[in-house]
Amino acid sequence: MTDTAATAPPVATREGATTRLVRFLGRSPIHVVLGVVGLIWLVPTIGLFITSFRPRSDIQSTGWWESLLSFRFTIDNYVEVITGQGGMGQAFLNSLLIAIPSTVLPLVIGALAAYALCWTSLPHKDAMFMAVVAFMLVPVQVAFIPVLKLFAPTGLLTGFVPIWLAH
């Protein structure tokens, strides 16, 4: 009888707690420096955010960091911007009325087209897919003039629907 010794696969050794602690402490200075840099990077943004809630008189007389000691915050600035004569409230609503359908409509049409392209047996299916990929390389600005000429005879030049369809 021949004695064939089966070789066992190498056992993965678990590193000890000391090794993990040394590795963590070795990386800690890097993490601390990156955290400090991140906080310094955020200071202007935090200052703008705090200033947006301060009254105009405080903004003109003191720095934003002084407001951390005296809590005089208000939302009047936001109310003035949204309801003021600048029309930001209507502009924001228009942005939503354009952005949401202009995103959802192409997603639905694209999903239906992708389903048809994947699960049906169409002739020249690979060529159609390559054409779709090739058209994705064309910047959208190149299509503006042809789309305008296409929409002009139909009267689709004003309103939200032409914007939705152009996307």
Foldseek 3Di string as FASTA:
>chain_A
DDDDDDDDDDDDDDDDPVVVVVVCVVCVVVVVVVVVVVVVVCVVVVQVVQVQFADPVCVVPDGSVVCVVPPDGHNVSVVCCCPPPVPVVVVVVVCCLQPPLLVVVVVVVVVVVVCCLPPPDDPPSVVVVVVVVVVVPDDLVVCPVVLCVVCVVVVPPDDRVSSSVSD
